[in-house]
């Protein structure tokens, strides 16, 4: 199948920057208007587990993409469909990982405001990045990508 003219999905922003920027805004709001929604010790423990788990998933997904010989940056062309490693379970392990890290950091700070911004972030990431990537990959790879979509969930 033919690829789009630019051979990129045309995402609205670099996804890690979207996540980091939203988290940064939430932490600034927490600094200005602190609200601690959970008991500190459990929040810190769960937060640490999530940060480590997200980092492991992120490294696994990035390594899998590199080994498959494709670009990680969505601003670059996709060269192959990656279906191994964590991509067996989710089509977006890098986004899942960064969101898990986001929630983990939020819990480490026991901060309300990043949680408030989390839902708009996920909606924006889904609309402005993931769905655009899916349209791009469908146009570029056609039936093999659609078959992969039938086997692996978008999120988890």
C-alpha atoms as a PDB file:
ATOM      1  CA  UNK A   1       0.000   0.000   0.000  1.00  0.00           C
ATOM      2  CA  UNK A   2       1.265   3.517  -0.634  1.00  0.00           C
ATOM      3  CA  UNK A   3       2.444   5.764   2.162  1.00  0.00           C
ATOM      4  CA  UNK A   4       1.214   9.300   2.837  1.00  0.00           C
ATOM      5  CA  UNK A   5       3.122  12.045   1.000  1.00  0.00           C
ATOM      6  CA  UNK A   6       5.163  13.063   4.057  1.00  0.00           C
ATOM      7  CA  UNK A   7       5.647   9.470   5.333  1.00  0.00           C
ATOM      8  CA  UNK A   8       5.015  10.521   8.932  1.00  0.00           C
ATOM      9  CA  UNK A   9       1.821  10.354  10.981  1.00  0.00           C
ATOM     10  CA  UNK A  10       1.658  14.123  11.538  1.00  0.00           C
ATOM     11  CA  UNK A  11       1.303  13.968  15.306  1.00  0.00           C
ATOM     12  CA  UNK A  12       0.419  17.252  17.014  1.00  0.00           C
ATOM     13  CA  UNK A  13       3.499  17.250  19.281  1.00  0.00           C
ATOM     14  CA  UNK A  14       6.383  15.049  20.359  1.00  0.00           C
ATOM     15  CA  UNK A  15       4.620  12.639  22.778  1.00  0.00           C
ATOM     16  CA  UNK A  16       7.255  12.583  25.560  1.00  0.00           C
ATOM     17  CA  UNK A  17       7.187  16.377  25.548  1.00  0.00           C
ATOM     18  CA  UNK A  18       3.388  16.360  25.875  1.00  0.00           C
ATOM     19  CA  UNK A  19       3.587  14.034  28.876  1.00  0.00           C
ATOM     20  CA  UNK A  20       6.512  15.838  30.532  1.00  0.00           C
ATOM     21  CA  UNK A  21       4.947  19.246  29.904  1.00  0.00           C
ATOM     22  CA  UNK A  22       1.624  18.207  31.410  1.00  0.00           C
ATOM     23  CA  UNK A  23       3.345  16.638  34.400  1.00  0.00           C
ATOM     24  CA  UNK A  24       5.467  19.770  34.844  1.00  0.00           C
ATOM     25  CA  UNK A  25       2.371  21.983  34.744  1.00  0.00           C
ATOM     26  CA  UNK A  26       0.646  19.733  37.278  1.00  0.00           C
ATOM     27  CA  UNK A  27       3.646  19.841  39.617  1.00  0.00           C
ATOM     28  CA  UNK A  28       3.850  23.636  39.329  1.00  0.00           C
ATOM     29  CA  UNK A  29       0.171  23.812  40.285  1.00  0.00           C
ATOM     30  CA  UNK A  30       0.927  21.447  43.180  1.00  0.00           C
ATOM     31  CA  UNK A  31       3.727  23.723  44.338  1.00  0.00           C
ATOM     32  CA  UNK A  32       1.403  26.740  44.188  1.00  0.00           C
ATOM     33  CA  UNK A  33      -1.710  25.017  45.577  1.00  0.00           C
ATOM     34  CA  UNK A  34      -0.628  21.820  47.351  1.00  0.00           C
ATOM     35  CA  UNK A  35      -3.262  19.120  47.735  1.00  0.00           C
ATOM     36  CA  UNK A  36      -2.311  15.642  48.960  1.00  0.00           C
ATOM     37  CA  UNK A  37      -5.082  13.215  47.932  1.00  0.00           C
ATOM     38  CA  UNK A  38      -3.626   9.993  49.404  1.00  0.00           C
ATOM     39  CA  UNK A  39      -1.895   8.753  52.556  1.00  0.00           C
ATOM     40  CA  UNK A  40       1.806   9.518  52.051  1.00  0.00           C
ATOM     41  CA  UNK A  41       3.474   6.150  52.662  1.00  0.00           C
ATOM     42  CA  UNK A  42       1.249   4.019  50.387  1.00  0.00           C
ATOM     43  CA  UNK A  43       1.299   6.726  47.693  1.00  0.00           C
ATOM     44  CA  UNK A  44       5.092   6.893  47.740  1.00  0.00           C
ATOM     45  CA  UNK A  45       5.459   3.107  47.644  1.00  0.00           C
ATOM     46  CA  UNK A  46       3.003   2.633  44.764  1.00  0.00           C
ATOM     47  CA  UNK A  47       4.526   5.619  42.970  1.00  0.00           C
ATOM     48  CA  UNK A  48       8.020   4.137  43.155  1.00  0.00           C
ATOM     49  CA  UNK A  49       6.779   0.777  41.864  1.00  0.00           C
ATOM     50  CA  UNK A  50       5.014   2.482  38.953  1.00  0.00           C
ATOM     51  CA  UNK A  51       8.025   4.616  38.003  1.00  0.00           C
ATOM     52  CA  UNK A  52      10.305   1.559  37.947  1.00  0.00           C
ATOM     53  CA  UNK A  53       7.722  -0.554  36.084  1.00  0.00           C
ATOM     54  CA  UNK A  54       7.127   2.186  33.528  1.00  0.00           C
ATOM     55  CA  UNK A  55      10.856   2.648  32.990  1.00  0.00           C
ATOM     56  CA  UNK A  56      11.320  -1.093  32.409  1.00  0.00           C
ATOM     57  CA  UNK A  57       8.412  -1.173  29.927  1.00  0.00           C
ATOM     58  CA  UNK A  58       9.762   1.932  28.167  1.00  0.00           C
ATOM     59  CA  UNK A  59      13.227   0.409  27.815  1.00  0.00           C
ATOM     60  CA  UNK A  60      11.784  -2.916  26.612  1.00  0.00           C
ATOM     61  CA  UNK A  61       9.604  -1.204  24.000  1.00  0.00           C
ATOM     62  CA  UNK A  62      12.390   1.072  22.732  1.00  0.00           C
ATOM     63  CA  UNK A  63      14.838  -1.837  22.526  1.00  0.00           C
ATOM     64  CA  UNK A  64      12.267  -3.914  20.638  1.00  0.00           C
ATOM     65  CA  UNK A  65      11.743  -1.110  18.117  1.00  0.00           C
ATOM     66  CA  UNK A  66      15.479  -0.611  17.608  1.00  0.00           C
ATOM     67  CA  UNK A  67      16.028  -4.343  17.083  1.00  0.00           C
ATOM     68  CA  UNK A  68      13.167  -4.411  14.566  1.00  0.00           C
ATOM     69  CA  UNK A  69      14.931  -1.660  12.628  1.00  0.00           C
ATOM     70  CA  UNK A  70      12.336   1.084  12.817  1.00  0.00           C
ATOM     71  CA  UNK A  71      12.294   4.640  14.088  1.00  0.00           C
ATOM     72  CA  UNK A  72      11.089   5.400  17.604  1.00  0.00           C
ATOM     73  CA  UNK A  73      10.389   9.084  16.953  1.00  0.00           C
ATOM     74  CA  UNK A  74       6.896   9.475  15.423  1.00  0.00           C
ATOM     75  CA  UNK A  75       8.261  12.372  13.378  1.00  0.00           C
ATOM     76  CA  UNK A  76      10.294   9.838  11.391  1.00  0.00           C
ATOM     77  CA  UNK A  77       8.900   7.224   8.962  1.00  0.00           C
ATOM     78  CA  UNK A  78       7.808   3.838  10.281  1.00  0.00           C
ATOM     79  CA  UNK A  79       9.913   1.222   8.534  1.00  0.00           C
ATOM     80  CA  UNK A  80       8.265  -1.981   9.790  1.00  0.00           C
ATOM     81  CA  UNK A  81       5.349  -3.070  11.935  1.00  0.00           C
ATOM     82  CA  UNK A  82       6.717  -4.142  15.314  1.00  0.00           C
ATOM     83  CA  UNK A  83       4.742  -7.015  16.832  1.00  0.00           C
ATOM     84  CA  UNK A  84       7.195  -8.612  19.257  1.00  0.00           C
ATOM     85  CA  UNK A  85       8.180  -7.835  22.830  1.00  0.00           C
ATOM     86  CA  UNK A  86       5.629  -5.635  24.602  1.00  0.00           C
ATOM     87  CA  UNK A  87       3.948  -4.934  21.245  1.00  0.00           C
ATOM     88  CA  UNK A  88       2.351  -8.381  21.571  1.00  0.00           C
ATOM     89  CA  UNK A  89       0.178  -6.985  24.371  1.00  0.00           C
ATOM     90  CA  UNK A  90      -0.373  -3.362  23.373  1.00  0.00           C
ATOM     91  CA  UNK A  91       0.150  -1.390  20.185  1.00  0.00           C
ATOM     92  CA  UNK A  92       1.460   1.517  22.263  1.00  0.00           C
ATOM     93  CA  UNK A  93       3.799   0.265  24.981  1.00  0.00           C
ATOM     94  CA  UNK A  94       5.899   3.433  24.931  1.00  0.00           C
ATOM     95  CA  UNK A  95       2.845   5.610  25.567  1.00  0.00           C
ATOM     96  CA  UNK A  96       1.545   3.232  28.216  1.00  0.00           C
ATOM     97  CA  UNK A  97       4.982   3.316  29.859  1.00  0.00           C
ATOM     98  CA  UNK A  98       5.215   7.111  29.891  1.00  0.00           C
ATOM     99  CA  UNK A  99       1.718   7.372  31.367  1.00  0.00           C
ATOM    100  CA  UNK A 100       2.584   4.792  34.037  1.00  0.00           C
ATOM    101  CA  UNK A 101       5.668   6.867  34.895  1.00  0.00           C
ATOM    102  CA  UNK A 102       3.475  10.006  34.956  1.00  0.00           C
ATOM    103  CA  UNK A 103       1.105   8.416  37.485  1.00  0.00           C
ATOM    104  CA  UNK A 104       4.068   7.097  39.484  1.00  0.00           C
ATOM    105  CA  UNK A 105       5.682  10.531  39.739  1.00  0.00           C
ATOM    106  CA  UNK A 106       2.313  12.026  40.643  1.00  0.00           C
ATOM    107  CA  UNK A 107       2.017   9.527  43.499  1.00  0.00           C
ATOM    108  CA  UNK A 108       5.603  10.131  44.613  1.00  0.00           C
ATOM    109  CA  UNK A 109       4.699  13.797  45.007  1.00  0.00           C
ATOM    110  CA  UNK A 110       1.230  12.828  46.297  1.00  0.00           C
ATOM    111  CA  UNK A 111      -0.085  15.654  44.124  1.00  0.00           C
ATOM    112  CA  UNK A 112      -3.680  16.239  43.086  1.00  0.00           C
ATOM    113  CA  UNK A 113      -3.151  18.567  40.105  1.00  0.00           C
ATOM    114  CA  UNK A 114      -1.281  16.135  37.825  1.00  0.00           C
ATOM    115  CA  UNK A 115      -4.164  13.695  38.367  1.00  0.00           C
ATOM    116  CA  UNK A 116      -6.621  16.419  37.332  1.00  0.00           C
ATOM    117  CA  UNK A 117      -4.609  16.971  34.136  1.00  0.00           C
ATOM    118  CA  UNK A 118      -4.196  13.243  33.428  1.00  0.00           C
ATOM    119  CA  UNK A 119      -7.543  12.683  31.671  1.00  0.00           C
ATOM    120  CA  UNK A 120      -7.149  15.645  29.287  1.00  0.00           C
ATOM    121  CA  UNK A 121      -3.599  14.436  28.583  1.00  0.00           C
ATOM    122  CA  UNK A 122      -4.805  10.940  27.680  1.00  0.00           C
ATOM    123  CA  UNK A 123      -7.566  12.331  25.467  1.00  0.00           C
ATOM    124  CA  UNK A 124      -5.095  14.633  23.684  1.00  0.00           C
ATOM    125  CA  UNK A 125      -2.527  11.843  23.313  1.00  0.00           C
ATOM    126  CA  UNK A 126      -5.168   9.503  21.913  1.00  0.00           C
ATOM    127  CA  UNK A 127      -6.595  12.054  19.468  1.00  0.00           C
ATOM    128  CA  UNK A 128      -3.470  13.970  18.506  1.00  0.00           C
ATOM    129  CA  UNK A 129      -0.940  11.149  18.400  1.00  0.00           C
ATOM    130  CA  UNK A 130      -2.224   7.576  18.562  1.00  0.00           C
ATOM    131  CA  UNK A 131      -5.160   7.834  16.163  1.00  0.00           C
ATOM    132  CA  UNK A 132      -3.008   9.766  13.684  1.00  0.00           C
ATOM    133  CA  UNK A 133      -0.319   7.098  13.925  1.00  0.00           C
ATOM    134  CA  UNK A 134      -2.927   4.390  13.355  1.00  0.00           C
ATOM    135  CA  UNK A 135      -4.281   6.101  10.234  1.00  0.00           C
ATOM    136  CA  UNK A 136      -0.721   6.515   8.954  1.00  0.00           C
ATOM    137  CA  UNK A 137       0.224   2.892   9.641  1.00  0.00           C
ATOM    138  CA  UNK A 138      -2.999   1.634   8.047  1.00  0.00           C
ATOM    139  CA  UNK A 139      -2.309   3.688   4.917  1.00  0.00           C
ATOM    140  CA  UNK A 140       1.326   2.597   4.800  1.00  0.00           C
ATOM    141  CA  UNK A 141       1.071  -1.107   5.674  1.00  0.00           C
ATOM    142  CA  UNK A 142      -2.571  -1.934   4.965  1.00  0.00           C
ATOM    143  CA  UNK A 143      -3.837  -5.417   5.777  1.00  0.00           C
ATOM    144  CA  UNK A 144      -0.783  -6.587   7.771  1.00  0.00           C
ATOM    145  CA  UNK A 145      -1.254  -3.644  10.143  1.00  0.00           C
ATOM    146  CA  UNK A 146      -5.014  -4.211  10.400  1.00  0.00           C
ATOM    147  CA  UNK A 147      -4.382  -7.878  11.230  1.00  0.00           C
ATOM    148  CA  UNK A 148      -1.969  -6.779  13.952  1.00  0.00           C
ATOM    149  CA  UNK A 149      -4.612  -4.365  15.310  1.00  0.00           C
ATOM    150  CA  UNK A 150      -7.025  -7.290  15.590  1.00  0.00           C
ATOM    151  CA  UNK A 151      -4.481  -9.154  17.770  1.00  0.00           C
ATOM    152  CA  UNK A 152      -3.155  -6.358  20.004  1.00  0.00           C
ATOM    153  CA  UNK A 153      -5.117  -3.763  21.957  1.00  0.00           C
ATOM    154  CA  UNK A 154      -4.547  -0.043  21.502  1.00  0.00           C
ATOM    155  CA  UNK A 155      -3.789   0.503  25.203  1.00  0.00           C
ATOM    156  CA  UNK A 156      -3.699  -2.628  27.393  1.00  0.00           C
END
